[in-house]
Amino acid sequence: VGEQVTLKCSFKSSSPITESLTIDWTYRPVTSGQMETIFHYQSVPYLTTVGKFKDRISWVGSVATGDASIAIQSPVMTDNGTFICSVRNPPDV
């Protein structure tokens, strides 16, 4: 609680990395079970502009090295939940 936390995600692809590569981070809270997208990447990072993680997520990854990690600033106990990282590099998923 209170310190920046990094959510690690790494990937490998048998296809060359192109501008078609996308990364999506989704979050489902422990209580409500409704999933929400909290981060999207396609050529550049798109930070969420709504929801509980607004202004608290930063891109710390590097697609060139297979790193799709993000960081959350000032985490609190109510951020607890399931975080899912999805990487698509057509035709790989």
C-alpha atoms as a PDB file:
ATOM      1  CA  VAL A   1       0.000   0.000   0.000  1.00  0.00           C
ATOM      2  CA  GLY A   2       1.263   3.459  -0.889  1.00  0.00           C
ATOM      3  CA  GLU A   3       4.312   2.415  -2.924  1.00  0.00           C
ATOM      4  CA  GLN A   4       4.428   2.031  -6.711  1.00  0.00           C
ATOM      5  CA  VAL A   5       3.858  -1.560  -7.771  1.00  0.00           C
ATOM      6  CA  THR A   6       4.906  -3.088 -11.088  1.00  0.00           C
ATOM      7  CA  LEU A   7       2.654  -5.666 -12.732  1.00  0.00           C
ATOM      8  CA  LYS A   8       5.010  -7.828 -14.774  1.00  0.00           C
ATOM      9  CA  CYS A   9       4.053  -9.291 -18.130  1.00  0.00           C
ATOM     10  CA  SER A  10       6.393 -10.777 -20.706  1.00  0.00           C
ATOM     11  CA  PHE A  11       5.735 -12.287 -24.107  1.00  0.00           C
ATOM     12  CA  LYS A  12       7.404 -14.093 -26.989  1.00  0.00           C
ATOM     13  CA  SER A  13       6.191 -14.149 -30.561  1.00  0.00           C
ATOM     14  CA  SER A  14       7.152 -16.248 -33.561  1.00  0.00           C
ATOM     15  CA  SER A  15       6.062 -13.349 -35.793  1.00  0.00           C
ATOM     16  CA  PRO A  16       7.999 -10.091 -36.208  1.00  0.00           C
ATOM     17  CA  ILE A  17       6.832  -7.262 -33.962  1.00  0.00           C
ATOM     18  CA  THR A  18       4.807  -4.779 -36.030  1.00  0.00           C
ATOM     19  CA  GLU A  19       2.501  -1.828 -35.422  1.00  0.00           C
ATOM     20  CA  SER A  20      -0.330  -4.397 -35.323  1.00  0.00           C
ATOM     21  CA  LEU A  21       0.868  -5.609 -31.904  1.00  0.00           C
ATOM     22  CA  THR A  22      -1.603  -4.746 -29.157  1.00  0.00           C
ATOM     23  CA  ILE A  23      -1.431  -5.084 -25.381  1.00  0.00           C
ATOM     24  CA  ASP A  24      -4.488  -4.894 -23.160  1.00  0.00           C
ATOM     25  CA  TRP A  25      -4.533  -4.968 -19.375  1.00  0.00           C
ATOM     26  CA  THR A  26      -7.895  -5.729 -17.784  1.00  0.00           C
ATOM     27  CA  TYR A  27      -8.913  -5.648 -14.149  1.00  0.00           C
ATOM     28  CA  ARG A  28     -11.675  -7.426 -12.263  1.00  0.00           C
ATOM     29  CA  PRO A  29     -12.247  -6.408  -8.629  1.00  0.00           C
ATOM     30  CA  VAL A  30     -12.641  -9.113  -6.002  1.00  0.00           C
ATOM     31  CA  THR A  31     -16.131  -7.902  -5.086  1.00  0.00           C
ATOM     32  CA  SER A  32     -18.122  -6.915  -8.207  1.00  0.00           C
ATOM     33  CA  GLY A  33     -16.630  -9.200 -10.848  1.00  0.00           C
ATOM     34  CA  GLN A  34     -17.068  -6.658 -13.676  1.00  0.00           C
ATOM     35  CA  MET A  35     -13.999  -6.486 -15.926  1.00  0.00           C
ATOM     36  CA  GLU A  36     -12.640  -3.163 -17.118  1.00  0.00           C
ATOM     37  CA  THR A  37      -9.793  -2.306 -19.476  1.00  0.00           C
ATOM     38  CA  ILE A  38      -7.220  -0.257 -17.574  1.00  0.00           C
ATOM     39  CA  PHE A  39      -4.475   0.022 -20.214  1.00  0.00           C
ATOM     40  CA  HIS A  40      -4.146  -0.341 -23.995  1.00  0.00           C
ATOM     41  CA  TYR A  41      -1.051  -0.255 -26.199  1.00  0.00           C
ATOM     42  CA  GLN A  42      -0.869  -0.097 -29.981  1.00  0.00           C
ATOM     43  CA  SER A  43       2.293   1.618 -31.262  1.00  0.00           C
ATOM     44  CA  VAL A  44       1.997   3.969 -28.263  1.00  0.00           C
ATOM     45  CA  PRO A  45       0.565   3.541 -24.736  1.00  0.00           C
ATOM     46  CA  TYR A  46      -3.013   4.672 -24.123  1.00  0.00           C
ATOM     47  CA  LEU A  47      -3.604   5.295 -20.436  1.00  0.00           C
ATOM     48  CA  THR A  48      -7.093   4.978 -18.994  1.00  0.00           C
ATOM     49  CA  THR A  49      -9.008   8.231 -18.635  1.00  0.00           C
ATOM     50  CA  VAL A  50     -11.806   6.876 -16.438  1.00  0.00           C
ATOM     51  CA  GLY A  51     -12.245   4.586 -13.449  1.00  0.00           C
ATOM     52  CA  LYS A  52     -10.307   3.937 -10.273  1.00  0.00           C
ATOM     53  CA  PHE A  53      -6.918   3.700 -12.026  1.00  0.00           C
ATOM     54  CA  LYS A  54      -7.201   7.055 -13.846  1.00  0.00           C
ATOM     55  CA  ASP A  55      -3.872   8.946 -13.578  1.00  0.00           C
ATOM     56  CA  ARG A  56      -2.264   6.074 -11.625  1.00  0.00           C
ATOM     57  CA  ILE A  57      -1.060   3.706 -14.375  1.00  0.00           C
ATOM     58  CA  SER A  58       2.167   4.117 -16.286  1.00  0.00           C
ATOM     59  CA  TRP A  59       3.761   2.088 -19.079  1.00  0.00           C
ATOM     60  CA  VAL A  60       7.083   0.575 -17.986  1.00  0.00           C
ATOM     61  CA  GLY A  61       7.385  -2.110 -20.671  1.00  0.00           C
ATOM     62  CA  SER A  62       9.267  -2.359 -23.952  1.00  0.00           C
ATOM     63  CA  VAL A  63       7.736  -4.306 -26.826  1.00  0.00           C
ATOM     64  CA  ALA A  64      11.188  -4.666 -28.418  1.00  0.00           C
ATOM     65  CA  THR A  65      12.311  -6.810 -25.464  1.00  0.00           C
ATOM     66  CA  GLY A  66       8.983  -8.645 -24.978  1.00  0.00           C
ATOM     67  CA  ASP A  67       8.044  -6.678 -21.865  1.00  0.00           C
ATOM     68  CA  ALA A  68       4.397  -5.608 -21.464  1.00  0.00           C
ATOM     69  CA  SER A  69       4.616  -4.487 -17.826  1.00  0.00           C
ATOM     70  CA  ILE A  70       2.740  -1.573 -16.297  1.00  0.00           C
ATOM     71  CA  ALA A  71       3.041   0.193 -12.951  1.00  0.00           C
ATOM     72  CA  ILE A  72       0.363   1.411 -10.551  1.00  0.00           C
ATOM     73  CA  GLN A  73       1.044   4.444  -8.377  1.00  0.00           C
ATOM     74  CA  SER A  74      -0.302   4.735  -4.827  1.00  0.00           C
ATOM     75  CA  PRO A  75      -2.024   1.337  -4.644  1.00  0.00           C
ATOM     76  CA  VAL A  76      -4.678   0.806  -1.969  1.00  0.00           C
ATOM     77  CA  MET A  77      -6.263  -2.357  -0.588  1.00  0.00           C
ATOM     78  CA  THR A  78      -9.414  -1.780  -2.640  1.00  0.00           C
ATOM     79  CA  ASP A  79      -7.303  -2.199  -5.822  1.00  0.00           C
ATOM     80  CA  ASN A  80      -7.100  -5.911  -4.956  1.00  0.00           C
ATOM     81  CA  GLY A  81      -8.402  -8.085  -7.767  1.00  0.00           C
ATOM     82  CA  THR A  82      -7.424  -9.985 -10.895  1.00  0.00           C
ATOM     83  CA  PHE A  83      -5.192  -8.262 -13.447  1.00  0.00           C
ATOM     84  CA  ILE A  84      -4.911  -9.862 -16.902  1.00  0.00           C
ATOM     85  CA  CYS A  85      -2.328  -8.982 -19.549  1.00  0.00           C
ATOM     86  CA  SER A  86      -3.257  -9.898 -23.155  1.00  0.00           C
ATOM     87  CA  VAL A  87      -0.736  -9.521 -25.974  1.00  0.00           C
ATOM     88  CA  ARG A  88      -1.663  -9.957 -29.627  1.00  0.00           C
ATOM     89  CA  ASN A  89       0.878  -9.850 -32.435  1.00  0.00           C
ATOM     90  CA  PRO A  90      -1.014 -11.047 -35.489  1.00  0.00           C
ATOM     91  CA  PRO A  91      -1.081 -13.816 -36.400  1.00  0.00           C
ATOM     92  CA  ASP A  92       0.167 -14.730 -32.883  1.00  0.00           C
ATOM     93  CA  VAL A  93      -2.083 -14.293 -29.873  1.00  0.00           C
END
